[in-house]
C-alpha atoms as a PDB file:
ATOM      1  CA  MET A   1     -25.475-114.343   1.610  1.00  0.00           C
ATOM      2  CA  SER A   2     -26.719-112.961   4.916  1.00  0.00           C
ATOM      3  CA  GLU A   3     -28.535-109.641   5.288  1.00  0.00           C
ATOM      4  CA  PHE A   4     -25.472-108.171   6.997  1.00  0.00           C
ATOM      5  CA  GLN A   5     -23.286-109.129   4.037  1.00  0.00           C
ATOM      6  CA  PHE A   6     -25.712-107.503   1.573  1.00  0.00           C
ATOM      7  CA  VAL A   7     -25.711-104.290   3.627  1.00  0.00           C
ATOM      8  CA  GLU A   8     -21.929-104.340   3.935  1.00  0.00           C
ATOM      9  CA  LYS A   9     -21.529-104.779   0.162  1.00  0.00           C
ATOM     10  CA  GLU A  10     -23.923-101.926  -0.648  1.00  0.00           C
ATOM     11  CA  VAL A  11     -22.275 -99.592   1.889  1.00  0.00           C
ATOM     12  CA  GLN A  12     -18.854-100.392   0.411  1.00  0.00           C
ATOM     13  CA  GLN A  13     -20.128 -99.555  -3.089  1.00  0.00           C
ATOM     14  CA  ILE A  14     -21.476 -96.211  -1.861  1.00  0.00           C
ATOM     15  CA  ASP A  15     -18.249 -95.377  -0.001  1.00  0.00           C
ATOM     16  CA  GLN A  16     -16.136 -96.335  -3.002  1.00  0.00           C
ATOM     17  CA  LEU A  17     -18.044 -94.005  -5.317  1.00  0.00           C
ATOM     18  CA  LEU A  18     -17.947 -91.139  -2.819  1.00  0.00           C
ATOM     19  CA  ALA A  19     -14.176 -91.637  -2.432  1.00  0.00           C
ATOM     20  CA  GLN A  20     -13.848 -91.339  -6.231  1.00  0.00           C
ATOM     21  CA  ASN A  21     -15.469 -87.863  -6.214  1.00  0.00           C
ATOM     22  CA  TYR A  22     -18.950 -89.018  -7.172  1.00  0.00           C
ATOM     23  CA  ILE A  23     -21.910 -87.102  -5.802  1.00  0.00           C
ATOM     24  CA  PHE A  24     -25.590 -87.978  -5.460  1.00  0.00           C
ATOM     25  CA  THR A  25     -27.626 -86.551  -8.336  1.00  0.00           C
ATOM     26  CA  ASN A  26     -30.902 -88.483  -8.293  1.00  0.00           C
ATOM     27  CA  ILE A  27     -32.742 -90.967  -6.101  1.00  0.00           C
ATOM     28  CA  THR A  28     -35.801 -92.947  -7.151  1.00  0.00           C
ATOM     29  CA  GLU A  29     -37.421 -95.256  -4.622  1.00  0.00           C
ATOM     30  CA  ASP A  30     -39.970 -98.003  -5.138  1.00  0.00           C
ATOM     31  CA  LEU A  31     -40.964-101.248  -3.457  1.00  0.00           C
ATOM     32  CA  GLU A  32     -37.783-102.918  -4.719  1.00  0.00           C
ATOM     33  CA  GLY A  33     -35.443-100.414  -3.053  1.00  0.00           C
ATOM     34  CA  ALA A  34     -33.772 -97.245  -4.271  1.00  0.00           C
ATOM     35  CA  TYR A  35     -32.041 -96.421  -7.528  1.00  0.00           C
ATOM     36  CA  VAL A  36     -29.318 -93.942  -6.676  1.00  0.00           C
ATOM     37  CA  THR A  37     -27.595 -92.020  -9.447  1.00  0.00           C
ATOM     38  CA  PHE A  38     -24.054 -90.830  -8.800  1.00  0.00           C
ATOM     39  CA  MET A  39     -22.109 -88.457 -11.024  1.00  0.00           C
ATOM     40  CA  ASN A  40     -18.383 -87.879 -11.018  1.00  0.00           C
ATOM     41  CA  GLU A  41     -17.813 -84.148 -10.664  1.00  0.00           C
ATOM     42  CA  GLU A  42     -14.710 -84.202 -12.867  1.00  0.00           C
ATOM     43  CA  THR A  43     -15.611 -86.604 -15.688  1.00  0.00           C
ATOM     44  CA  LYS A  44     -19.423 -86.226 -15.581  1.00  0.00           C
ATOM     45  CA  ASP A  45     -19.608 -90.046 -15.674  1.00  0.00           C
ATOM     46  CA  GLU A  46     -22.842 -91.419 -14.172  1.00  0.00           C
ATOM     47  CA  ILE A  47     -23.388 -94.672 -12.285  1.00  0.00           C
ATOM     48  CA  ILE A  48     -26.691 -96.009 -10.974  1.00  0.00           C
ATOM     49  CA  LEU A  49     -26.716 -98.293  -7.931  1.00  0.00           C
ATOM     50  CA  HIS A  50     -29.753-100.341  -6.962  1.00  0.00           C
ATOM     51  CA  ILE A  51     -29.792-100.205  -3.168  1.00  0.00           C
ATOM     52  CA  LYS A  52     -32.128-102.888  -1.829  1.00  0.00           C
ATOM     53  CA  MET A  53     -31.451-103.111   1.891  1.00  0.00           C
ATOM     54  CA  ALA A  54     -33.164-100.727   4.334  1.00  0.00           C
ATOM     55  CA  GLU A  55     -29.987-100.216   6.387  1.00  0.00           C
ATOM     56  CA  SER A  56     -28.065 -99.272   3.248  1.00  0.00           C
ATOM     57  CA  ARG A  57     -30.789 -96.789   2.297  1.00  0.00           C
ATOM     58  CA  LYS A  58     -30.467 -95.204   5.742  1.00  0.00           C
ATOM     59  CA  TYR A  59     -26.718 -95.018   5.199  1.00  0.00           C
ATOM     60  CA  PHE A  60     -26.912 -93.261   1.835  1.00  0.00           C
ATOM     61  CA  SER A  61     -29.506 -90.889   3.297  1.00  0.00           C
ATOM     62  CA  SER A  62     -27.006 -89.822   5.959  1.00  0.00           C
ATOM     63  CA  LYS A  63     -24.296 -89.397   3.306  1.00  0.00           C
ATOM     64  CA  LEU A  64     -26.675 -87.341   1.166  1.00  0.00           C
ATOM     65  CA  HIS A  65     -27.412 -85.156   4.186  1.00  0.00           C
ATOM     66  CA  GLU A  66     -23.660 -84.610   4.614  1.00  0.00           C
ATOM     67  CA  GLN A  67     -23.329 -83.699   0.928  1.00  0.00           C
ATOM     68  CA  LEU A  68     -26.155 -81.177   1.107  1.00  0.00           C
ATOM     69  CA  ASN A  69     -24.730 -79.520   4.224  1.00  0.00           C
ATOM     70  CA  LYS A  70     -21.197 -78.917   2.901  1.00  0.00           C
END
């Protein structure tokens, strides 16, 4: 799979969770990427995504910024 395809897949996963009323609750970064914890505001269900690609990490950072400025 190409780098573009990896980024596209990770961005789609982020968008899908945000569309399902999940919000960012925790982010842990290391040399392997970022572990992003999402929580559904209604069900309190948590999902952790491992975001590996730098472009995807930039994307979730912009979405987090949007969430914090609502």
